[in-house]
């Protein structure tokens, strides 16, 4: 989309819009490693880090393992079908994030309907509503803004992130890290925004 994302965001895609080994390597190089180095610097320590990942084939490759090892980042791979129990994002972040996006879609859709009804001397009983324009070109632009707004919402409510680690019996070194994590966690959400938008559109239809 033509929407301008914040400069600290890393926006990319593969030719088929699926995550691949290359996009995961870019994710680690552009997001994970800088965040880990920044955190080490702020803590004044050079300890190893841990990333929690599922067994997606694009991230369990030799190149990925070597990249993480070079930066002293240990990879904790989750057993199959356990992300809903062992992944912090699934435990506490995804639901409020999706709820926020659905609410934004509903507000936007209602506004489009009200534009058709908001005419002088309109006879609402005889009004013939036209289908709301929901082409990909339109939805990409509005959903990109929703995604940025959602990141700000999660950032303003860091308990959503903290709760995921609490439920896993993991403790963040400092509470302020929850806000720092928001952009990095939302980077993962960009891969699902088109699918979620399509799902909401289908529900309306």
Protein backbone atom coordinates (compact mmCIF):
# COMPACT_ATOMS: atom_id res chain seq x y z
CA UNK A 1 0.00 0.00 0.00
CA UNK A 2 0.95 3.66 -0.34
CA UNK A 3 0.43 4.08 3.40
CA UNK A 4 3.61 5.26 5.12
CA UNK A 5 4.51 2.94 7.98
CA UNK A 6 6.60 4.27 10.87
CA UNK A 7 10.32 4.25 9.95
CA UNK A 8 11.17 1.76 12.71
CA UNK A 9 8.86 -0.85 11.17
CA UNK A 10 10.27 -3.53 8.87
CA UNK A 11 7.80 -4.18 6.06
CA UNK A 12 8.57 -6.91 3.56
CA UNK A 13 6.95 -9.76 1.67
CA UNK A 14 7.79 -12.73 -0.48
CA UNK A 15 6.62 -13.03 -4.11
CA UNK A 16 3.79 -15.35 -3.04
CA UNK A 17 3.13 -13.52 0.25
CA UNK A 18 4.12 -16.55 2.34
CA UNK A 19 6.81 -16.58 5.00
CA UNK A 20 9.97 -18.21 3.72
CA UNK A 21 13.45 -18.91 5.00
CA UNK A 22 14.61 -15.65 3.42
CA UNK A 23 11.89 -13.53 5.05
CA UNK A 24 12.63 -15.17 8.40
CA UNK A 25 16.34 -14.40 8.03
CA UNK A 26 15.43 -10.78 7.26
CA UNK A 27 13.18 -10.78 10.33
CA UNK A 28 16.02 -11.97 12.56
CA UNK A 29 18.59 -9.60 11.04
CA UNK A 30 16.36 -6.51 10.98
CA UNK A 31 14.21 -7.03 14.10
CA UNK A 32 15.39 -9.73 16.49
CA UNK A 33 19.14 -9.05 16.49
CA UNK A 34 18.87 -5.23 16.84
CA UNK A 35 16.34 -5.66 19.66
CA UNK A 36 18.54 -8.17 21.49
CA UNK A 37 21.61 -5.95 21.13
CA UNK A 38 19.66 -2.90 22.32
CA UNK A 39 18.38 -4.84 25.32
CA UNK A 40 21.85 -6.12 26.21
CA UNK A 41 23.20 -2.58 26.03
CA UNK A 42 20.42 -1.15 28.20
CA UNK A 43 20.90 -3.89 30.81
CA UNK A 44 24.68 -3.52 30.78
CA UNK A 45 25.03 -7.26 30.29
CA UNK A 46 26.00 -9.51 27.43
CA UNK A 47 23.96 -12.56 28.27
CA UNK A 48 22.54 -15.03 25.78
CA UNK A 49 18.99 -14.48 24.56
CA UNK A 50 16.13 -16.85 23.77
CA UNK A 51 13.57 -16.76 20.97
CA UNK A 52 10.43 -18.90 21.06
CA UNK A 53 9.42 -20.29 17.68
CA UNK A 54 7.17 -22.96 16.27
CA UNK A 55 8.41 -25.61 13.83
CA UNK A 56 7.63 -23.68 10.65
CA UNK A 57 10.02 -25.10 8.07
CA UNK A 58 11.28 -21.68 6.99
CA UNK A 59 12.81 -21.02 10.41
CA UNK A 60 14.23 -24.42 11.34
CA UNK A 61 16.97 -24.34 8.73
CA UNK A 62 20.73 -24.52 9.08
CA UNK A 63 21.11 -20.91 7.93
CA UNK A 64 18.68 -19.72 10.59
CA UNK A 65 20.41 -21.74 13.30
CA UNK A 66 23.83 -20.41 12.34
CA UNK A 67 22.54 -16.84 12.24
CA UNK A 68 21.07 -17.11 15.73
CA UNK A 69 24.17 -18.83 17.11
CA UNK A 70 26.43 -16.05 15.80
CA UNK A 71 24.49 -13.60 17.94
CA UNK A 72 24.25 -15.88 20.99
CA UNK A 73 20.50 -16.32 20.60
CA UNK A 74 19.13 -19.69 21.63
CA UNK A 75 16.07 -20.97 19.77
CA UNK A 76 13.34 -22.69 21.75
CA UNK A 77 11.24 -24.70 19.28
CA UNK A 78 7.72 -25.50 20.40
CA UNK A 79 6.30 -29.00 19.88
CA UNK A 80 3.68 -29.28 17.16
CA UNK A 81 0.18 -28.03 18.03
CA UNK A 82 1.25 -26.30 21.26
CA UNK A 83 1.44 -22.63 20.26
CA UNK A 84 -1.94 -21.97 21.89
CA UNK A 85 -0.43 -23.07 25.22
CA UNK A 86 3.26 -22.17 25.00
CA UNK A 87 3.52 -19.08 22.79
CA UNK A 88 3.17 -15.73 24.66
CA UNK A 89 1.60 -14.04 21.64
CA UNK A 90 -1.11 -16.70 21.39
CA UNK A 91 -1.77 -16.65 25.12
CA UNK A 92 -2.43 -12.95 25.58
CA UNK A 93 -1.62 -10.71 22.61
CA UNK A 94 -3.37 -12.10 19.56
CA UNK A 95 -6.93 -11.88 20.90
CA UNK A 96 -6.90 -8.19 21.93
CA UNK A 97 -5.01 -7.41 18.72
CA UNK A 98 -7.63 -9.15 16.57
CA UNK A 99 -10.48 -7.68 18.61
CA UNK A 100 -9.04 -4.20 18.00
CA UNK A 101 -8.78 -4.81 14.24
CA UNK A 102 -12.31 -6.20 14.03
CA UNK A 103 -13.65 -3.19 15.93
CA UNK A 104 -11.83 -0.84 13.53
CA UNK A 105 -13.32 -2.67 10.56
CA UNK A 106 -16.82 -2.46 12.01
CA UNK A 107 -16.46 1.28 12.67
CA UNK A 108 -15.13 1.85 9.16
CA UNK A 109 -17.88 -0.22 7.54
CA UNK A 110 -20.60 1.56 9.54
CA UNK A 111 -19.15 4.90 8.49
CA UNK A 112 -19.36 3.89 4.82
CA UNK A 113 -23.04 3.01 5.25
CA UNK A 114 -23.78 6.25 7.10
CA UNK A 115 -22.24 8.24 4.25
CA UNK A 116 -24.92 6.86 1.95
CA UNK A 117 -27.69 7.73 4.41
CA UNK A 118 -26.33 11.13 5.37
CA UNK A 119 -28.03 13.14 2.62
CA UNK A 120 -30.47 16.04 2.97
CA UNK A 121 -34.13 14.98 3.02
CA UNK A 122 -33.20 11.34 2.58
CA UNK A 123 -36.10 8.91 2.80
CA UNK A 124 -34.46 6.18 4.87
CA UNK A 125 -37.39 3.81 4.36
CA UNK A 126 -36.85 3.89 0.61
CA UNK A 127 -33.07 4.15 0.58
CA UNK A 128 -31.25 1.66 -1.62
CA UNK A 129 -27.85 1.05 -0.18
CA UNK A 130 -24.99 0.33 -2.54
CA UNK A 131 -22.39 -2.32 -1.70
CA UNK A 132 -19.46 -0.91 0.22
CA UNK A 133 -16.27 -0.76 -1.84
CA UNK A 134 -13.98 -3.40 -0.35
CA UNK A 135 -11.52 -4.06 -3.13
CA UNK A 136 -8.01 -5.08 -2.21
CA UNK A 137 -6.73 -1.64 -3.21
CA UNK A 138 -9.09 0.01 -0.70
CA UNK A 139 -8.65 -2.52 2.10
CA UNK A 140 -4.84 -2.50 1.96
CA UNK A 141 -4.75 1.21 2.71
CA UNK A 142 -7.24 1.25 5.57
CA UNK A 143 -6.00 -1.99 7.14
CA UNK A 144 -2.42 -0.69 7.13
CA UNK A 145 -3.54 2.24 9.28
CA UNK A 146 -5.48 -0.11 11.56
CA UNK A 147 -2.33 -2.15 12.07
CA UNK A 148 -0.32 0.90 13.14
CA UNK A 149 -3.15 2.00 15.45
CA UNK A 150 -3.32 -1.50 16.89
CA UNK A 151 0.42 -1.42 17.65
CA UNK A 152 -0.08 1.86 19.50
CA UNK A 153 -2.99 0.33 21.42
CA UNK A 154 -0.93 -2.68 22.51
CA UNK A 155 1.97 -0.37 23.37
CA UNK A 156 -0.33 1.70 25.60
CA UNK A 157 -1.55 -1.50 27.29
CA UNK A 158 1.67 -3.46 27.91
CA UNK A 159 -0.12 -5.79 30.33
CA UNK A 160 -1.24 -7.78 27.28
CA UNK A 161 2.39 -8.66 26.51
CA UNK A 162 3.45 -9.12 30.12
CA UNK A 163 0.52 -11.46 30.79
CA UNK A 164 1.69 -13.85 28.07
CA UNK A 165 5.02 -14.32 29.81
CA UNK A 166 3.38 -14.52 33.24
CA UNK A 167 1.10 -17.31 32.04
CA UNK A 168 4.19 -19.15 30.82
CA UNK A 169 5.89 -18.56 34.18
CA UNK A 170 8.46 -16.40 32.39
CA UNK A 171 9.46 -13.01 33.78
CA UNK A 172 10.59 -10.02 31.70
CA UNK A 173 13.79 -8.40 33.02
CA UNK A 174 12.09 -4.99 33.16
CA UNK A 175 8.47 -3.97 32.69
CA UNK A 176 9.43 -1.26 30.19
CA UNK A 177 10.56 -4.01 27.84
CA UNK A 178 6.90 -4.82 27.20
CA UNK A 179 6.51 -1.53 25.38
CA UNK A 180 9.76 -2.10 23.49
CA UNK A 181 8.50 -5.51 22.40
CA UNK A 182 5.30 -4.15 20.87
CA UNK A 183 6.72 -3.14 17.50
CA UNK A 184 8.66 -6.38 17.21
CA UNK A 185 5.64 -8.51 18.03
CA UNK A 186 3.45 -6.53 15.68
CA UNK A 187 5.97 -7.18 12.88
CA UNK A 188 4.75 -10.75 13.06
CA UNK A 189 1.14 -9.57 12.79
CA UNK A 190 1.74 -7.96 9.39
CA UNK A 191 1.88 -11.43 7.87
CA UNK A 192 -1.70 -12.11 9.01
CA UNK A 193 -3.38 -8.74 8.38
CA UNK A 194 -4.49 -9.53 4.81
CA UNK A 195 -5.98 -12.86 5.87
CA UNK A 196 -7.81 -11.26 8.78
CA UNK A 197 -9.18 -8.48 6.57
CA UNK A 198 -10.38 -11.04 4.04
CA UNK A 199 -12.07 -12.99 6.83
CA UNK A 200 -13.93 -9.87 8.06
CA UNK A 201 -14.99 -9.01 4.50
CA UNK A 202 -16.38 -12.52 4.00
CA UNK A 203 -18.32 -12.26 7.25
CA UNK A 204 -19.96 -9.05 6.03
CA UNK A 205 -20.85 -10.63 2.70
